[in-house]
Amino acid sequence: MKNGVFQVQGINSSDDIDKLQEALHHVWGVRRAEVNQTTGYARISYDENAASLQDFKQAIMEAGYAAERVQGGDSSEGL
């Protein structure tokens, strides 16, 4: 199990959070996805044998948001 954190731009409402969480949960291998409207962080826990951080970044972009990976947010520790 691995974790990743993205800084997502354009999260302005609970509708944005719902849309983004739905997109992240559609990525094969996701175990947990949490989006914080205040910080703009999307925290993801996933099976590294089934998905990569690039898969999640692509899902965020396809949902209509810009995202950058937060360095140091990728580990095997729990969220």
PDB file of N, CA and C in Angstrom:
ATOM      1  N   MET A   1       0.847  -1.175   0.000  1.00  0.00           N
ATOM      2  CA  MET A   1       0.000   0.000   0.000  1.00  0.00           C
ATOM      3  C   MET A   1       0.894   1.239   0.000  1.00  0.00           C
ATOM      4  N   LYS A   2       0.563   2.186  -0.861  1.00  0.00           N
ATOM      5  CA  LYS A   2       1.298   3.448  -0.943  1.00  0.00           C
ATOM      6  C   LYS A   2       0.325   4.599  -0.783  1.00  0.00           C
ATOM      7  N   ASN A   3       0.883   5.760  -0.477  1.00  0.00           N
ATOM      8  CA  ASN A   3       0.094   6.978  -0.349  1.00  0.00           C
ATOM      9  C   ASN A   3       0.670   8.047  -1.252  1.00  0.00           C
ATOM     10  N   GLY A   4      -0.174   8.975  -1.655  1.00  0.00           N
ATOM     11  CA  GLY A   4       0.272  10.117  -2.435  1.00  0.00           C
ATOM     12  C   GLY A   4      -0.559  11.325  -2.089  1.00  0.00           C
ATOM     13  N   VAL A   5       0.020  12.495  -2.293  1.00  0.00           N
ATOM     14  CA  VAL A   5      -0.681  13.750  -2.024  1.00  0.00           C
ATOM     15  C   VAL A   5      -0.521  14.656  -3.233  1.00  0.00           C
ATOM     16  N   PHE A   6      -1.632  15.246  -3.653  1.00  0.00           N
ATOM     17  CA  PHE A   6      -1.629  16.219  -4.741  1.00  0.00           C
ATOM     18  C   PHE A   6      -2.192  17.535  -4.241  1.00  0.00           C
ATOM     19  N   GLN A   7      -1.623  18.630  -4.717  1.00  0.00           N
ATOM     20  CA  GLN A   7      -2.199  19.959  -4.519  1.00  0.00           C
ATOM     21  C   GLN A   7      -3.077  20.193  -5.737  1.00  0.00           C
ATOM     22  N   VAL A   8      -4.375  20.354  -5.496  1.00  0.00           N
ATOM     23  CA  VAL A   8      -5.337  20.489  -6.585  1.00  0.00           C
ATOM     24  C   VAL A   8      -5.845  21.929  -6.627  1.00  0.00           C
ATOM     25  N   GLN A   9      -5.853  22.504  -7.804  1.00  0.00           N
ATOM     26  CA  GLN A   9      -6.343  23.873  -7.976  1.00  0.00           C
ATOM     27  C   GLN A   9      -7.748  23.845  -8.557  1.00  0.00           C
ATOM     28  N   GLY A  10      -8.585  24.756  -8.061  1.00  0.00           N
ATOM     29  CA  GLY A  10      -9.937  24.886  -8.591  1.00  0.00           C
ATOM     30  C   GLY A  10     -11.015  24.264  -7.733  1.00  0.00           C
ATOM     31  N   ILE A  11     -10.671  23.841  -6.521  1.00  0.00           N
ATOM     32  CA  ILE A  11     -11.670  23.280  -5.610  1.00  0.00           C
ATOM     33  C   ILE A  11     -12.316  24.448  -4.864  1.00  0.00           C
ATOM     34  N   ASN A  12     -13.568  24.724  -5.196  1.00  0.00           N
ATOM     35  CA  ASN A  12     -14.251  25.884  -4.621  1.00  0.00           C
ATOM     36  C   ASN A  12     -15.512  25.540  -3.848  1.00  0.00           C
ATOM     37  N   SER A  13     -15.974  24.310  -3.954  1.00  0.00           N
ATOM     38  CA  SER A  13     -17.243  23.967  -3.312  1.00  0.00           C
ATOM     39  C   SER A  13     -17.290  22.483  -2.985  1.00  0.00           C
ATOM     40  N   SER A  14     -18.327  22.110  -2.262  1.00  0.00           N
ATOM     41  CA  SER A  14     -18.505  20.687  -1.945  1.00  0.00           C
ATOM     42  C   SER A  14     -18.813  19.885  -3.204  1.00  0.00           C
ATOM     43  N   ASP A  15     -19.392  20.525  -4.205  1.00  0.00           N
ATOM     44  CA  ASP A  15     -19.631  19.835  -5.484  1.00  0.00           C
ATOM     45  C   ASP A  15     -18.299  19.460  -6.140  1.00  0.00           C
ATOM     46  N   ASP A  16     -17.313  20.361  -6.051  1.00  0.00           N
ATOM     47  CA  ASP A  16     -15.991  20.059  -6.589  1.00  0.00           C
ATOM     48  C   ASP A  16     -15.370  18.872  -5.860  1.00  0.00           C
ATOM     49  N   ILE A  17     -15.507  18.848  -4.547  1.00  0.00           N
ATOM     50  CA  ILE A  17     -14.963  17.747  -3.752  1.00  0.00           C
ATOM     51  C   ILE A  17     -15.614  16.434  -4.158  1.00  0.00           C
ATOM     52  N   ASP A  18     -16.950  16.443  -4.282  1.00  0.00           N
ATOM     53  CA  ASP A  18     -17.664  15.221  -4.685  1.00  0.00           C
ATOM     54  C   ASP A  18     -17.206  14.741  -6.054  1.00  0.00           C
ATOM     55  N   LYS A  19     -17.080  15.672  -6.998  1.00  0.00           N
ATOM     56  CA  LYS A  19     -16.661  15.328  -8.365  1.00  0.00           C
ATOM     57  C   LYS A  19     -15.252  14.737  -8.367  1.00  0.00           C
ATOM     58  N   LEU A  20     -14.363  15.351  -7.604  1.00  0.00           N
ATOM     59  CA  LEU A  20     -12.979  14.894  -7.555  1.00  0.00           C
ATOM     60  C   LEU A  20     -12.856  13.546  -6.853  1.00  0.00           C
ATOM     61  N   GLN A  21     -13.555  13.372  -5.741  1.00  0.00           N
ATOM     62  CA  GLN A  21     -13.498  12.091  -5.039  1.00  0.00           C
ATOM     63  C   GLN A  21     -14.069  10.971  -5.900  1.00  0.00           C
ATOM     64  N   GLU A  22     -15.122  11.257  -6.632  1.00  0.00           N
ATOM     65  CA  GLU A  22     -15.686  10.244  -7.524  1.00  0.00           C
ATOM     66  C   GLU A  22     -14.672   9.856  -8.597  1.00  0.00           C
ATOM     67  N   ALA A  23     -13.997  10.836  -9.164  1.00  0.00           N
ATOM     68  CA  ALA A  23     -12.984  10.555 -10.190  1.00  0.00           C
ATOM     69  C   ALA A  23     -11.854   9.713  -9.616  1.00  0.00           C
ATOM     70  N   LEU A  24     -11.396  10.043  -8.420  1.00  0.00           N
ATOM     71  CA  LEU A  24     -10.298   9.300  -7.804  1.00  0.00           C
ATOM     72  C   LEU A  24     -10.712   7.881  -7.449  1.00  0.00           C
ATOM     73  N   HIS A  25     -11.953   7.712  -7.013  1.00  0.00           N
ATOM     74  CA  HIS A  25     -12.422   6.373  -6.640  1.00  0.00           C
ATOM     75  C   HIS A  25     -12.635   5.465  -7.855  1.00  0.00           C
ATOM     76  N   HIS A  26     -12.658   6.031  -9.044  1.00  0.00           N
ATOM     77  CA  HIS A  26     -12.790   5.221 -10.256  1.00  0.00           C
ATOM     78  C   HIS A  26     -11.454   4.675 -10.745  1.00  0.00           C
ATOM     79  N   VAL A  27     -10.355   5.112 -10.149  1.00  0.00           N
ATOM     80  CA  VAL A  27      -9.039   4.592 -10.536  1.00  0.00           C
ATOM     81  C   VAL A  27      -8.863   3.209  -9.909  1.00  0.00           C
ATOM     82  N   TRP A  28      -8.541   2.244 -10.746  1.00  0.00           N
ATOM     83  CA  TRP A  28      -8.343   0.874 -10.271  1.00  0.00           C
ATOM     84  C   TRP A  28      -7.194   0.857  -9.259  1.00  0.00           C
ATOM     85  N   GLY A  29      -7.405   0.232  -8.115  1.00  0.00           N
ATOM     86  CA  GLY A  29      -6.371   0.114  -7.106  1.00  0.00           C
ATOM     87  C   GLY A  29      -6.480   1.115  -5.970  1.00  0.00           C
ATOM     88  N   VAL A  30      -7.377   2.100  -6.089  1.00  0.00           N
ATOM     89  CA  VAL A  30      -7.531   3.074  -5.009  1.00  0.00           C
ATOM     90  C   VAL A  30      -8.097   2.381  -3.773  1.00  0.00           C
ATOM     91  N   ARG A  31      -7.564   2.716  -2.624  1.00  0.00           N
ATOM     92  CA  ARG A  31      -8.074   2.187  -1.362  1.00  0.00           C
ATOM     93  C   ARG A  31      -8.808   3.270  -0.586  1.00  0.00           C
ATOM     94  N   ARG A  32      -8.289   4.497  -0.708  1.00  0.00           N
ATOM     95  CA  ARG A  32      -8.888   5.610   0.012  1.00  0.00           C
ATOM     96  C   ARG A  32      -8.512   6.910  -0.690  1.00  0.00           C
ATOM     97  N   ALA A  33      -9.457   7.830  -0.765  1.00  0.00           N
ATOM     98  CA  ALA A  33      -9.190   9.145  -1.349  1.00  0.00           C
ATOM     99  C   ALA A  33      -9.939  10.193  -0.541  1.00  0.00           C
ATOM    100  N   GLU A  34      -9.199  11.189  -0.078  1.00  0.00           N
ATOM    101  CA  GLU A  34      -9.784  12.270   0.708  1.00  0.00           C
ATOM    102  C   GLU A  34      -9.364  13.594   0.091  1.00  0.00           C
ATOM    103  N   VAL A  35     -10.322  14.505  -0.050  1.00  0.00           N
ATOM    104  CA  VAL A  35     -10.035  15.826  -0.612  1.00  0.00           C
ATOM    105  C   VAL A  35     -10.411  16.873   0.427  1.00  0.00           C
ATOM    106  N   ASN A  36      -9.492  17.814   0.680  1.00  0.00           N
ATOM    107  CA  ASN A  36      -9.720  18.874   1.647  1.00  0.00           C
ATOM    108  C   ASN A  36      -9.912  20.184   0.902  1.00  0.00           C
ATOM    109  N   GLN A  37     -11.100  20.777   1.033  1.00  0.00           N
ATOM    110  CA  GLN A  37     -11.406  22.009   0.317  1.00  0.00           C
ATOM    111  C   GLN A  37     -10.548  23.175   0.802  1.00  0.00           C
ATOM    112  N   THR A  38     -10.249  23.232   2.079  1.00  0.00           N
ATOM    113  CA  THR A  38      -9.484  24.338   2.646  1.00  0.00           C
ATOM    114  C   THR A  38      -8.047  24.346   2.147  1.00  0.00           C
ATOM    115  N   THR A  39      -7.386  23.191   2.168  1.00  0.00           N
ATOM    116  CA  THR A  39      -5.978  23.125   1.761  1.00  0.00           C
ATOM    117  C   THR A  39      -5.812  22.851   0.273  1.00  0.00           C
ATOM    118  N   GLY A  40      -6.833  22.257  -0.343  1.00  0.00           N
ATOM    119  CA  GLY A  40      -6.725  21.870  -1.746  1.00  0.00           C
ATOM    120  C   GLY A  40      -5.953  20.581  -1.940  1.00  0.00           C
ATOM    121  N   TYR A  41      -5.698  19.847  -0.865  1.00  0.00           N
ATOM    122  CA  TYR A  41      -4.949  18.602  -0.955  1.00  0.00           C
ATOM    123  C   TYR A  41      -5.874  17.415  -1.211  1.00  0.00           C
ATOM    124  N   ALA A  42      -5.438  16.558  -2.104  1.00  0.00           N
ATOM    125  CA  ALA A  42      -6.085  15.262  -2.324  1.00  0.00           C
ATOM    126  C   ALA A  42      -5.104  14.213  -1.829  1.00  0.00           C
ATOM    127  N   ARG A  43      -5.502  13.460  -0.821  1.00  0.00           N
ATOM    128  CA  ARG A  43      -4.655  12.408  -0.237  1.00  0.00           C
ATOM    129  C   ARG A  43      -5.207  11.063  -0.681  1.00  0.00           C
ATOM    130  N   ILE A  44      -4.317  10.234  -1.202  1.00  0.00           N
ATOM    131  CA  ILE A  44      -4.720   8.975  -1.815  1.00  0.00           C
ATOM    132  C   ILE A  44      -3.930   7.830  -1.217  1.00  0.00           C
ATOM    133  N   SER A  45      -4.613   6.748  -0.934  1.00  0.00           N
ATOM    134  CA  SER A  45      -3.978   5.502  -0.528  1.00  0.00           C
ATOM    135  C   SER A  45      -4.335   4.488  -1.608  1.00  0.00           C
ATOM    136  N   TYR A  46      -3.333   3.759  -2.112  1.00  0.00           N
ATOM    137  CA  TYR A  46      -3.587   2.891  -3.258  1.00  0.00           C
ATOM    138  C   TYR A  46      -2.654   1.684  -3.269  1.00  0.00           C
ATOM    139  N   ASP A  47      -3.071   0.691  -4.028  1.00  0.00           N
ATOM    140  CA  ASP A  47      -2.268  -0.516  -4.241  1.00  0.00           C
ATOM    141  C   ASP A  47      -1.306  -0.234  -5.388  1.00  0.00           C
ATOM    142  N   GLU A  48      -0.017  -0.167  -5.080  1.00  0.00           N
ATOM    143  CA  GLU A  48       0.983   0.174  -6.103  1.00  0.00           C
ATOM    144  C   GLU A  48       1.116  -0.879  -7.186  1.00  0.00           C
ATOM    145  N   ASN A  49       0.549  -2.065  -6.975  1.00  0.00           N
ATOM    146  CA  ASN A  49       0.554  -3.101  -8.007  1.00  0.00           C
ATOM    147  C   ASN A  49      -0.569  -2.911  -9.022  1.00  0.00           C
ATOM    148  N   ALA A  50      -1.521  -2.036  -8.694  1.00  0.00           N
ATOM    149  CA  ALA A  50      -2.661  -1.827  -9.574  1.00  0.00           C
ATOM    150  C   ALA A  50      -2.733  -0.407 -10.141  1.00  0.00           C
ATOM    151  N   ALA A  51      -2.071   0.557  -9.498  1.00  0.00           N
ATOM    152  CA  ALA A  51      -2.170   1.953  -9.938  1.00  0.00           C
ATOM    153  C   ALA A  51      -0.859   2.680  -9.645  1.00  0.00           C
ATOM    154  N   SER A  52      -0.729   3.849 -10.254  1.00  0.00           N
ATOM    155  CA  SER A  52       0.426   4.707 -10.000  1.00  0.00           C
ATOM    156  C   SER A  52      -0.076   6.121  -9.721  1.00  0.00           C
ATOM    157  N   LEU A  53       0.796   6.953  -9.204  1.00  0.00           N
ATOM    158  CA  LEU A  53       0.404   8.341  -8.964  1.00  0.00           C
ATOM    159  C   LEU A  53       0.018   9.040 -10.261  1.00  0.00           C
ATOM    160  N   GLN A  54       0.622   8.644 -11.367  1.00  0.00           N
ATOM    161  CA  GLN A  54       0.268   9.229 -12.659  1.00  0.00           C
ATOM    162  C   GLN A  54      -1.188   8.934 -13.013  1.00  0.00           C
ATOM    163  N   ASP A  55      -1.673   7.747 -12.653  1.00  0.00           N
ATOM    164  CA  ASP A  55      -3.083   7.409 -12.904  1.00  0.00           C
ATOM    165  C   ASP A  55      -4.012   8.368 -12.172  1.00  0.00           C
ATOM    166  N   PHE A  56      -3.653   8.715 -10.934  1.00  0.00           N
ATOM    167  CA  PHE A  56      -4.486   9.621 -10.144  1.00  0.00           C
ATOM    168  C   PHE A  56      -4.399  11.046 -10.670  1.00  0.00           C
ATOM    169  N   LYS A  57      -3.209  11.460 -11.069  1.00  0.00           N
ATOM    170  CA  LYS A  57      -3.066  12.796 -11.647  1.00  0.00           C
ATOM    171  C   LYS A  57      -3.901  12.910 -12.921  1.00  0.00           C
ATOM    172  N   GLN A  58      -3.885  11.880 -13.733  1.00  0.00           N
ATOM    173  CA  GLN A  58      -4.685  11.872 -14.960  1.00  0.00           C
ATOM    174  C   GLN A  58      -6.177  11.967 -14.638  1.00  0.00           C
ATOM    175  N   ALA A  59      -6.634  11.242 -13.618  1.00  0.00           N
ATOM    176  CA  ALA A  59      -8.042  11.288 -13.222  1.00  0.00           C
ATOM    177  C   ALA A  59      -8.421  12.689 -12.749  1.00  0.00           C
ATOM    178  N   ILE A  60      -7.542  13.348 -12.016  1.00  0.00           N
ATOM    179  CA  ILE A  60      -7.801  14.714 -11.546  1.00  0.00           C
ATOM    180  C   ILE A  60      -7.909  15.663 -12.732  1.00  0.00           C
ATOM    181  N   MET A  61      -6.985  15.536 -13.675  1.00  0.00           N
ATOM    182  CA  MET A  61      -6.995  16.400 -14.851  1.00  0.00           C
ATOM    183  C   MET A  61      -8.234  16.157 -15.707  1.00  0.00           C
ATOM    184  N   GLU A  62      -8.620  14.895 -15.872  1.00  0.00           N
ATOM    185  CA  GLU A  62      -9.807  14.580 -16.670  1.00  0.00           C
ATOM    186  C   GLU A  62     -11.086  15.091 -16.006  1.00  0.00           C
ATOM    187  N   ALA A  63     -11.060  15.262 -14.682  1.00  0.00           N
ATOM    188  CA  ALA A  63     -12.210  15.821 -13.970  1.00  0.00           C
ATOM    189  C   ALA A  63     -12.262  17.346 -14.102  1.00  0.00           C
ATOM    190  N   GLY A  64     -11.203  17.935 -14.681  1.00  0.00           N
ATOM    191  CA  GLY A  64     -11.204  19.366 -14.944  1.00  0.00           C
ATOM    192  C   GLY A  64     -10.394  20.215 -13.983  1.00  0.00           C
ATOM    193  N   TYR A  65      -9.469  19.614 -13.262  1.00  0.00           N
ATOM    194  CA  TYR A  65      -8.667  20.332 -12.277  1.00  0.00           C
ATOM    195  C   TYR A  65      -7.181  20.218 -12.602  1.00  0.00           C
ATOM    196  N   ALA A  66      -6.409  21.179 -12.138  1.00  0.00           N
ATOM    197  CA  ALA A  66      -4.957  21.131 -12.254  1.00  0.00           C
ATOM    198  C   ALA A  66      -4.403  20.520 -10.976  1.00  0.00           C
ATOM    199  N   ALA A  67      -3.359  19.717 -11.103  1.00  0.00           N
ATOM    200  CA  ALA A  67      -2.796  19.056  -9.925  1.00  0.00           C
ATOM    201  C   ALA A  67      -1.292  18.941 -10.031  1.00  0.00           C
ATOM    202  N   GLU A  68      -0.647  19.100  -8.897  1.00  0.00           N
ATOM    203  CA  GLU A  68       0.787  18.879  -8.778  1.00  0.00           C
ATOM    204  C   GLU A  68       1.027  17.965  -7.588  1.00  0.00           C
ATOM    205  N   ARG A  69       1.898  17.007  -7.763  1.00  0.00           N
ATOM    206  CA  ARG A  69       2.225  16.097  -6.667  1.00  0.00           C
ATOM    207  C   ARG A  69       3.003  16.844  -5.593  1.00  0.00           C
ATOM    208  N   VAL A  70       2.645  16.600  -4.350  1.00  0.00           N
ATOM    209  CA  VAL A  70       3.352  17.193  -3.219  1.00  0.00           C
ATOM    210  C   VAL A  70       4.499  16.252  -2.881  1.00  0.00           C
ATOM    211  N   GLN A  71       5.728  16.750  -2.969  1.00  0.00           N
ATOM    212  CA  GLN A  71       6.904  15.931  -2.681  1.00  0.00           C
ATOM    213  C   GLN A  71       6.890  15.504  -1.226  1.00  0.00           C
ATOM    214  N   GLY A  72       7.278  14.275  -0.993  1.00  0.00           N
ATOM    215  CA  GLY A  72       7.306  13.751   0.365  1.00  0.00           C
ATOM    216  C   GLY A  72       5.966  13.201   0.809  1.00  0.00           C
ATOM    217  N   GLY A  73       4.945  13.290  -0.037  1.00  0.00           N
ATOM    218  CA  GLY A  73       3.629  12.788   0.322  1.00  0.00           C
ATOM    219  C   GLY A  73       3.422  11.353  -0.077  1.00  0.00           C
ATOM    220  N   ASP A  74       4.448  10.725  -0.645  1.00  0.00           N
ATOM    221  CA  ASP A  74       4.343   9.354  -1.116  1.00  0.00           C
ATOM    222  C   ASP A  74       5.067   8.428  -0.138  1.00  0.00           C
ATOM    223  N   SER A  75       4.325   7.573   0.539  1.00  0.00           N
ATOM    224  CA  SER A  75       4.941   6.644   1.487  1.00  0.00           C
ATOM    225  C   SER A  75       4.069   5.419   1.628  1.00  0.00           C
ATOM    226  N   SER A  76       4.517   4.479   2.403  1.00  0.00           N
ATOM    227  CA  SER A  76       3.731   3.277   2.646  1.00  0.00           C
ATOM    228  C   SER A  76       3.001   3.345   3.982  1.00  0.00           C
ATOM    229  N   GLU A  77       3.053   4.485   4.630  1.00  0.00           N
ATOM    230  CA  GLU A  77       2.369   4.665   5.914  1.00  0.00           C
ATOM    231  C   GLU A  77       0.894   4.959   5.670  1.00  0.00           C
ATOM    232  N   GLY A  78       0.071   4.738   6.685  1.00  0.00           N
ATOM    233  CA  GLY A  78      -1.362   4.999   6.580  1.00  0.00           C
ATOM    234  C   GLY A  78      -1.641   6.484   6.477  1.00  0.00           C
ATOM    235  N   LEU A  79      -2.825   6.818   5.981  1.00  0.00           N
ATOM    236  CA  LEU A  79      -3.205   8.222   5.847  1.00  0.00           C
ATOM    237  C   LEU A  79      -3.593   8.815   7.174  1.00  0.00           C
TER     238      LEU A  79
END
